Amino acid sequence: MAYRGFKLTAIWPLIAINLLLFIATLIKQDLILILGLQPASLSLRPWTLVTNLFIHGGIGHISANMLTLYFFGSYLSRLIGVRNFLIVYFGGGILGNIFYILLASPFSIAVGASGAIFALGGVLTVMRPRLRVFIFPIPAPLPLWVAVIGGFIILSIFSPFLQIAWQAHLGGLVLGLAAGYFFRRRIRYFF
């Protein structure tokens, strides 16, 4: 559906839900505890395996994730279709959460769509590795694979200082890379 050049896709509802819940957590901060993923309390709050994908810890966190969702998601949904995009997005987010449950402190709380975002990046890394992207503050475009893998490594190195759930990033990236190989073969042989 398009209206004067603005195309409504699956990306916009995801961004809208994230923004609305971000505003809600600014108003009622205990929503982070209710909707964020804490491995030790997963059996009491199983919905957090999905709801934490829509909760963010600050303006920088949500800005980075939503900008990346917009750019990676718009390109990827055109490449593999909306249905497959949503499977990758939620599959990467959930696998990222499973990695977090297995590898992080059971009493820590994970929030954010970063596992899902890394899944999108993983698919694009395999399908379009030479695609050039700009990463702030680097003034020149980088190959996509360098940006995604380099971003993962840098965020992982600084994760103890920045309170980043590298485990969720890893799970999302693993799913994205595997899905990328699947879609690349499917596109090559069936289309």
C-alpha atoms as a PDB file:
ATOM      1  CA  MET A   1       0.000   0.000   0.000  1.00  0.00           C
ATOM      2  CA  ALA A   2       1.428   3.397  -0.956  1.00  0.00           C
ATOM      3  CA  TYR A   3       0.297   6.923  -0.224  1.00  0.00           C
ATOM      4  CA  ARG A   4       2.137   9.716  -2.052  1.00  0.00           C
ATOM      5  CA  GLY A   5       5.440   7.851  -2.152  1.00  0.00           C
ATOM      6  CA  PHE A   6       5.182   6.449   1.388  1.00  0.00           C
ATOM      7  CA  LYS A   7       5.014   2.668   1.293  1.00  0.00           C
ATOM      8  CA  LEU A   8       3.430   0.850   4.229  1.00  0.00           C
ATOM      9  CA  THR A   9       5.380  -2.338   4.985  1.00  0.00           C
ATOM     10  CA  ALA A  10       5.903  -4.679   7.932  1.00  0.00           C
ATOM     11  CA  ILE A  11       8.748  -2.412   9.061  1.00  0.00           C
ATOM     12  CA  TRP A  12       6.529   0.488  10.113  1.00  0.00           C
ATOM     13  CA  PRO A  13       4.289  -1.456  12.535  1.00  0.00           C
ATOM     14  CA  LEU A  14       7.416  -2.916  14.193  1.00  0.00           C
ATOM     15  CA  ILE A  15       8.937   0.546  14.559  1.00  0.00           C
ATOM     16  CA  ALA A  16       5.639   1.960  15.857  1.00  0.00           C
ATOM     17  CA  ILE A  17       5.256  -0.746  18.511  1.00  0.00           C
ATOM     18  CA  ASN A  18       8.855  -0.236  19.629  1.00  0.00           C
ATOM     19  CA  LEU A  19       8.395   3.536  19.875  1.00  0.00           C
ATOM     20  CA  LEU A  20       5.081   3.274  21.731  1.00  0.00           C
ATOM     21  CA  LEU A  21       6.517   0.820  24.249  1.00  0.00           C
ATOM     22  CA  PHE A  22       9.630   2.975  24.649  1.00  0.00           C
ATOM     23  CA  ILE A  23       7.425   5.931  25.562  1.00  0.00           C
ATOM     24  CA  ALA A  24       5.408   3.684  27.892  1.00  0.00           C
ATOM     25  CA  THR A  25       8.596   2.603  29.706  1.00  0.00           C
ATOM     26  CA  LEU A  26       9.581   6.242  30.135  1.00  0.00           C
ATOM     27  CA  ILE A  27       6.232   6.844  31.845  1.00  0.00           C
ATOM     28  CA  LYS A  28       6.103   3.565  33.793  1.00  0.00           C
ATOM     29  CA  GLN A  29       9.622   2.226  34.251  1.00  0.00           C
ATOM     30  CA  ASP A  30       8.598  -1.035  35.910  1.00  0.00           C
ATOM     31  CA  LEU A  31       7.394  -2.185  32.458  1.00  0.00           C
ATOM     32  CA  ILE A  32      11.046  -3.011  31.763  1.00  0.00           C
ATOM     33  CA  LEU A  33      10.936  -5.531  34.618  1.00  0.00           C
ATOM     34  CA  ILE A  34       7.604  -6.948  33.421  1.00  0.00           C
ATOM     35  CA  LEU A  35       8.462  -7.185  29.702  1.00  0.00           C
ATOM     36  CA  GLY A  36      12.264  -7.587  29.801  1.00  0.00           C
ATOM     37  CA  LEU A  37      13.833 -11.048  29.663  1.00  0.00           C
ATOM     38  CA  GLN A  38      15.354 -12.311  32.911  1.00  0.00           C
ATOM     39  CA  PRO A  39      16.509 -15.929  32.590  1.00  0.00           C
ATOM     40  CA  ALA A  40      15.829 -16.718  36.284  1.00  0.00           C
ATOM     41  CA  SER A  41      12.165 -15.697  35.991  1.00  0.00           C
ATOM     42  CA  LEU A  42      11.390 -17.054  32.514  1.00  0.00           C
ATOM     43  CA  SER A  43       9.119 -19.796  33.890  1.00  0.00           C
ATOM     44  CA  LEU A  44       7.038 -17.124  35.670  1.00  0.00           C
ATOM     45  CA  ARG A  45       6.998 -14.741  32.683  1.00  0.00           C
ATOM     46  CA  PRO A  46       7.366 -16.787  29.476  1.00  0.00           C
ATOM     47  CA  TRP A  47       6.022 -13.925  27.316  1.00  0.00           C
ATOM     48  CA  THR A  48       9.301 -12.082  27.876  1.00  0.00           C
ATOM     49  CA  LEU A  49      10.939 -14.353  25.302  1.00  0.00           C
ATOM     50  CA  VAL A  50       9.160 -12.130  22.736  1.00  0.00           C
ATOM     51  CA  THR A  51       8.166  -8.928  24.564  1.00  0.00           C
ATOM     52  CA  ASN A  52      11.742  -7.968  25.361  1.00  0.00           C
ATOM     53  CA  LEU A  53      12.262  -7.443  21.607  1.00  0.00           C
ATOM     54  CA  PHE A  54      10.051  -4.355  21.885  1.00  0.00           C
ATOM     55  CA  ILE A  55      11.626  -2.785  24.998  1.00  0.00           C
ATOM     56  CA  HIS A  56      14.744  -0.601  24.864  1.00  0.00           C
ATOM     57  CA  GLY A  57      17.051   0.803  27.503  1.00  0.00           C
ATOM     58  CA  GLY A  58      17.559   4.348  26.242  1.00  0.00           C
ATOM     59  CA  ILE A  59      17.243   6.771  23.366  1.00  0.00           C
ATOM     60  CA  GLY A  60      20.545   5.677  21.798  1.00  0.00           C
ATOM     61  CA  HIS A  61      19.545   2.017  22.023  1.00  0.00           C
ATOM     62  CA  ILE A  62      16.172   2.440  20.346  1.00  0.00           C
ATOM     63  CA  SER A  63      17.510   4.920  17.784  1.00  0.00           C
ATOM     64  CA  ALA A  64      20.288   2.593  16.620  1.00  0.00           C
ATOM     65  CA  ASN A  65      17.980  -0.429  16.459  1.00  0.00           C
ATOM     66  CA  MET A  66      15.117   1.337  14.679  1.00  0.00           C
ATOM     67  CA  LEU A  67      17.362   3.026  12.099  1.00  0.00           C
ATOM     68  CA  THR A  68      19.030  -0.290  11.341  1.00  0.00           C
ATOM     69  CA  LEU A  69      15.644  -2.030  11.249  1.00  0.00           C
ATOM     70  CA  TYR A  70      14.400   0.533   8.752  1.00  0.00           C
ATOM     71  CA  PHE A  71      17.375   0.298   6.379  1.00  0.00           C
ATOM     72  CA  PHE A  72      18.198  -3.413   6.658  1.00  0.00           C
ATOM     73  CA  GLY A  73      14.543  -4.426   6.970  1.00  0.00           C
ATOM     74  CA  SER A  74      13.346  -2.398   3.980  1.00  0.00           C
ATOM     75  CA  TYR A  75      16.016  -3.888   1.743  1.00  0.00           C
ATOM     76  CA  LEU A  76      15.657  -7.436   3.065  1.00  0.00           C
ATOM     77  CA  SER A  77      11.854  -7.543   2.896  1.00  0.00           C
ATOM     78  CA  ARG A  78      12.031  -6.595  -0.791  1.00  0.00           C
ATOM     79  CA  LEU A  79      14.688  -9.252  -1.340  1.00  0.00           C
ATOM     80  CA  ILE A  80      13.041 -12.240   0.423  1.00  0.00           C
ATOM     81  CA  GLY A  81       9.445 -11.098   0.956  1.00  0.00           C
ATOM     82  CA  VAL A  82       7.579  -9.829   3.994  1.00  0.00           C
ATOM     83  CA  ARG A  83       6.685 -13.272   5.360  1.00  0.00           C
ATOM     84  CA  ASN A  84      10.299 -14.487   5.269  1.00  0.00           C
ATOM     85  CA  PHE A  85      11.486 -11.154   6.663  1.00  0.00           C
ATOM     86  CA  LEU A  86       9.191 -11.570   9.681  1.00  0.00           C
ATOM     87  CA  ILE A  87      10.340 -15.177  10.183  1.00  0.00           C
ATOM     88  CA  VAL A  88      13.977 -14.050  10.194  1.00  0.00           C
ATOM     89  CA  TYR A  89      13.251 -11.063  12.436  1.00  0.00           C
ATOM     90  CA  PHE A  90      11.362 -12.943  15.133  1.00  0.00           C
ATOM     91  CA  GLY A  91      13.409 -16.137  14.732  1.00  0.00           C
ATOM     92  CA  GLY A  92      16.630 -14.153  15.213  1.00  0.00           C
ATOM     93  CA  GLY A  93      15.211 -12.323  18.209  1.00  0.00           C
ATOM     94  CA  ILE A  94      14.028 -15.527  19.871  1.00  0.00           C
ATOM     95  CA  LEU A  95      17.239 -17.461  19.142  1.00  0.00           C
ATOM     96  CA  GLY A  96      19.170 -14.475  20.460  1.00  0.00           C
ATOM     97  CA  ASN A  97      17.100 -14.687  23.638  1.00  0.00           C
ATOM     98  CA  ILE A  98      17.792 -18.421  23.920  1.00  0.00           C
ATOM     99  CA  PHE A  99      21.538 -17.729  23.632  1.00  0.00           C
ATOM    100  CA  TYR A 100      21.099 -15.058  26.312  1.00  0.00           C
ATOM    101  CA  ILE A 101      19.305 -17.493  28.614  1.00  0.00           C
ATOM    102  CA  LEU A 102      22.057 -20.079  28.154  1.00  0.00           C
ATOM    103  CA  LEU A 103      25.088 -17.776  28.368  1.00  0.00           C
ATOM    104  CA  ALA A 104      24.231 -14.760  30.533  1.00  0.00           C
ATOM    105  CA  SER A 105      23.773 -14.271  34.249  1.00  0.00           C
ATOM    106  CA  PRO A 106      20.352 -15.660  35.245  1.00  0.00           C
ATOM    107  CA  PHE A 107      19.532 -12.480  37.163  1.00  0.00           C
ATOM    108  CA  SER A 108      20.371  -9.981  34.421  1.00  0.00           C
ATOM    109  CA  ILE A 109      17.649  -8.464  32.251  1.00  0.00           C
ATOM    110  CA  ALA A 110      17.851  -8.263  28.466  1.00  0.00           C
ATOM    111  CA  VAL A 111      15.905  -5.730  26.436  1.00  0.00           C
ATOM    112  CA  GLY A 112      16.027  -4.700  22.813  1.00  0.00           C
ATOM    113  CA  ALA A 113      15.633  -5.878  19.251  1.00  0.00           C
ATOM    114  CA  SER A 114      19.374  -6.283  18.669  1.00  0.00           C
ATOM    115  CA  GLY A 115      19.240 -10.066  18.211  1.00  0.00           C
ATOM    116  CA  ALA A 116      16.540  -9.617  15.571  1.00  0.00           C
ATOM    117  CA  ILE A 117      18.522  -6.787  13.938  1.00  0.00           C
ATOM    118  CA  PHE A 118      21.677  -8.921  13.818  1.00  0.00           C
ATOM    119  CA  ALA A 119      19.612 -11.670  12.169  1.00  0.00           C
ATOM    120  CA  LEU A 120      18.677  -9.227   9.391  1.00  0.00           C
ATOM    121  CA  GLY A 121      22.316  -8.215   9.076  1.00  0.00           C
ATOM    122  CA  GLY A 122      23.386 -11.857   8.945  1.00  0.00           C
ATOM    123  CA  VAL A 123      21.027 -12.641   6.064  1.00  0.00           C
ATOM    124  CA  LEU A 124      22.202  -9.595   4.129  1.00  0.00           C
ATOM    125  CA  THR A 125      25.848 -10.428   4.882  1.00  0.00           C
ATOM    126  CA  VAL A 126      25.450 -13.734   3.076  1.00  0.00           C
ATOM    127  CA  MET A 127      23.150 -12.563   0.295  1.00  0.00           C
ATOM    128  CA  ARG A 128      24.703  -9.161  -0.466  1.00  0.00           C
ATOM    129  CA  PRO A 129      28.166  -9.103   1.187  1.00  0.00           C
ATOM    130  CA  ARG A 130      29.574  -6.396  -1.086  1.00  0.00           C
ATOM    131  CA  LEU A 131      26.661  -4.011  -0.611  1.00  0.00           C
ATOM    132  CA  ARG A 132      28.163  -0.719   0.578  1.00  0.00           C
ATOM    133  CA  VAL A 133      26.825   0.900   3.766  1.00  0.00           C
ATOM    134  CA  PHE A 134      27.684   3.975   5.796  1.00  0.00           C
ATOM    135  CA  ILE A 135      28.371   3.487   9.497  1.00  0.00           C
ATOM    136  CA  PHE A 136      28.531   6.576  11.679  1.00  0.00           C
ATOM    137  CA  PRO A 137      31.130   8.089  12.266  1.00  0.00           C
ATOM    138  CA  ILE A 138      33.148   6.446   9.465  1.00  0.00           C
ATOM    139  CA  PRO A 139      33.079   8.876   6.485  1.00  0.00           C
ATOM    140  CA  ALA A 140      33.380   6.217   3.752  1.00  0.00           C
ATOM    141  CA  PRO A 141      31.097   3.316   2.813  1.00  0.00           C
ATOM    142  CA  LEU A 142      32.074  -0.162   3.992  1.00  0.00           C
ATOM    143  CA  PRO A 143      31.156  -3.559   2.580  1.00  0.00           C
ATOM    144  CA  LEU A 144      28.100  -4.804   4.469  1.00  0.00           C
ATOM    145  CA  TRP A 145      29.870  -7.937   5.739  1.00  0.00           C
ATOM    146  CA  VAL A 146      32.592  -5.759   7.327  1.00  0.00           C
ATOM    147  CA  ALA A 147      29.972  -3.544   8.998  1.00  0.00           C
ATOM    148  CA  VAL A 148      27.930  -6.453  10.395  1.00  0.00           C
ATOM    149  CA  ILE A 149      30.778  -8.726  11.514  1.00  0.00           C
ATOM    150  CA  GLY A 150      32.921  -5.781  12.640  1.00  0.00           C
ATOM    151  CA  GLY A 151      29.969  -4.300  14.527  1.00  0.00           C
ATOM    152  CA  PHE A 152      29.380  -7.611  16.272  1.00  0.00           C
ATOM    153  CA  ILE A 153      33.057  -7.909  17.293  1.00  0.00           C
ATOM    154  CA  ILE A 154      33.307  -4.306  18.515  1.00  0.00           C
ATOM    155  CA  LEU A 155      30.058  -4.508  20.489  1.00  0.00           C
ATOM    156  CA  SER A 156      31.161  -7.839  21.993  1.00  0.00           C
ATOM    157  CA  ILE A 157      34.508  -6.412  23.103  1.00  0.00           C
ATOM    158  CA  PHE A 158      32.849  -3.426  24.773  1.00  0.00           C
ATOM    159  CA  SER A 159      29.836  -5.355  26.108  1.00  0.00           C
ATOM    160  CA  PRO A 160      31.004  -5.423  29.763  1.00  0.00           C
ATOM    161  CA  PHE A 161      31.367  -1.636  29.790  1.00  0.00           C
ATOM    162  CA  LEU A 162      28.219  -0.795  27.842  1.00  0.00           C
ATOM    163  CA  GLN A 163      25.943  -3.475  29.327  1.00  0.00           C
ATOM    164  CA  ILE A 164      25.352  -5.041  25.911  1.00  0.00           C
ATOM    165  CA  ALA A 165      23.840  -8.524  25.596  1.00  0.00           C
ATOM    166  CA  TRP A 166      26.411  -9.915  23.160  1.00  0.00           C
ATOM    167  CA  GLN A 167      24.787 -13.337  23.625  1.00  0.00           C
ATOM    168  CA  ALA A 168      21.590 -12.109  21.955  1.00  0.00           C
ATOM    169  CA  HIS A 169      23.607 -10.551  19.147  1.00  0.00           C
ATOM    170  CA  LEU A 170      25.402 -13.850  18.599  1.00  0.00           C
ATOM    171  CA  GLY A 171      22.171 -15.876  18.490  1.00  0.00           C
ATOM    172  CA  GLY A 172      20.579 -13.476  16.019  1.00  0.00           C
ATOM    173  CA  LEU A 173      23.686 -13.404  13.844  1.00  0.00           C
ATOM    174  CA  VAL A 174      23.906 -17.221  13.780  1.00  0.00           C
ATOM    175  CA  LEU A 175      20.281 -17.508  12.679  1.00  0.00           C
ATOM    176  CA  GLY A 176      20.735 -14.741  10.107  1.00  0.00           C
ATOM    177  CA  LEU A 177      23.823 -16.290   8.545  1.00  0.00           C
ATOM    178  CA  ALA A 178      22.120 -19.700   8.302  1.00  0.00           C
ATOM    179  CA  ALA A 179      18.956 -18.157   6.841  1.00  0.00           C
ATOM    180  CA  GLY A 180      21.071 -16.167   4.392  1.00  0.00           C
ATOM    181  CA  TYR A 181      22.613 -19.360   3.025  1.00  0.00           C
ATOM    182  CA  PHE A 182      19.155 -20.912   2.742  1.00  0.00           C
ATOM    183  CA  PHE A 183      17.664 -17.925   0.898  1.00  0.00           C
ATOM    184  CA  ARG A 184      20.715 -17.483  -1.333  1.00  0.00           C
ATOM    185  CA  ARG A 185      20.512 -21.101  -2.512  1.00  0.00           C
ATOM    186  CA  ARG A 186      16.751 -20.884  -2.931  1.00  0.00           C
ATOM    187  CA  ILE A 187      16.945 -17.714  -4.981  1.00  0.00           C
ATOM    188  CA  ARG A 188      19.794 -19.083  -7.101  1.00  0.00           C
ATOM    189  CA  TYR A 189      18.105 -22.409  -7.905  1.00  0.00           C
ATOM    190  CA  PHE A 190      14.388 -21.652  -7.879  1.00  0.00           C
ATOM    191  CA  PHE A 191      14.057 -18.134  -9.309  1.00  0.00           C
END
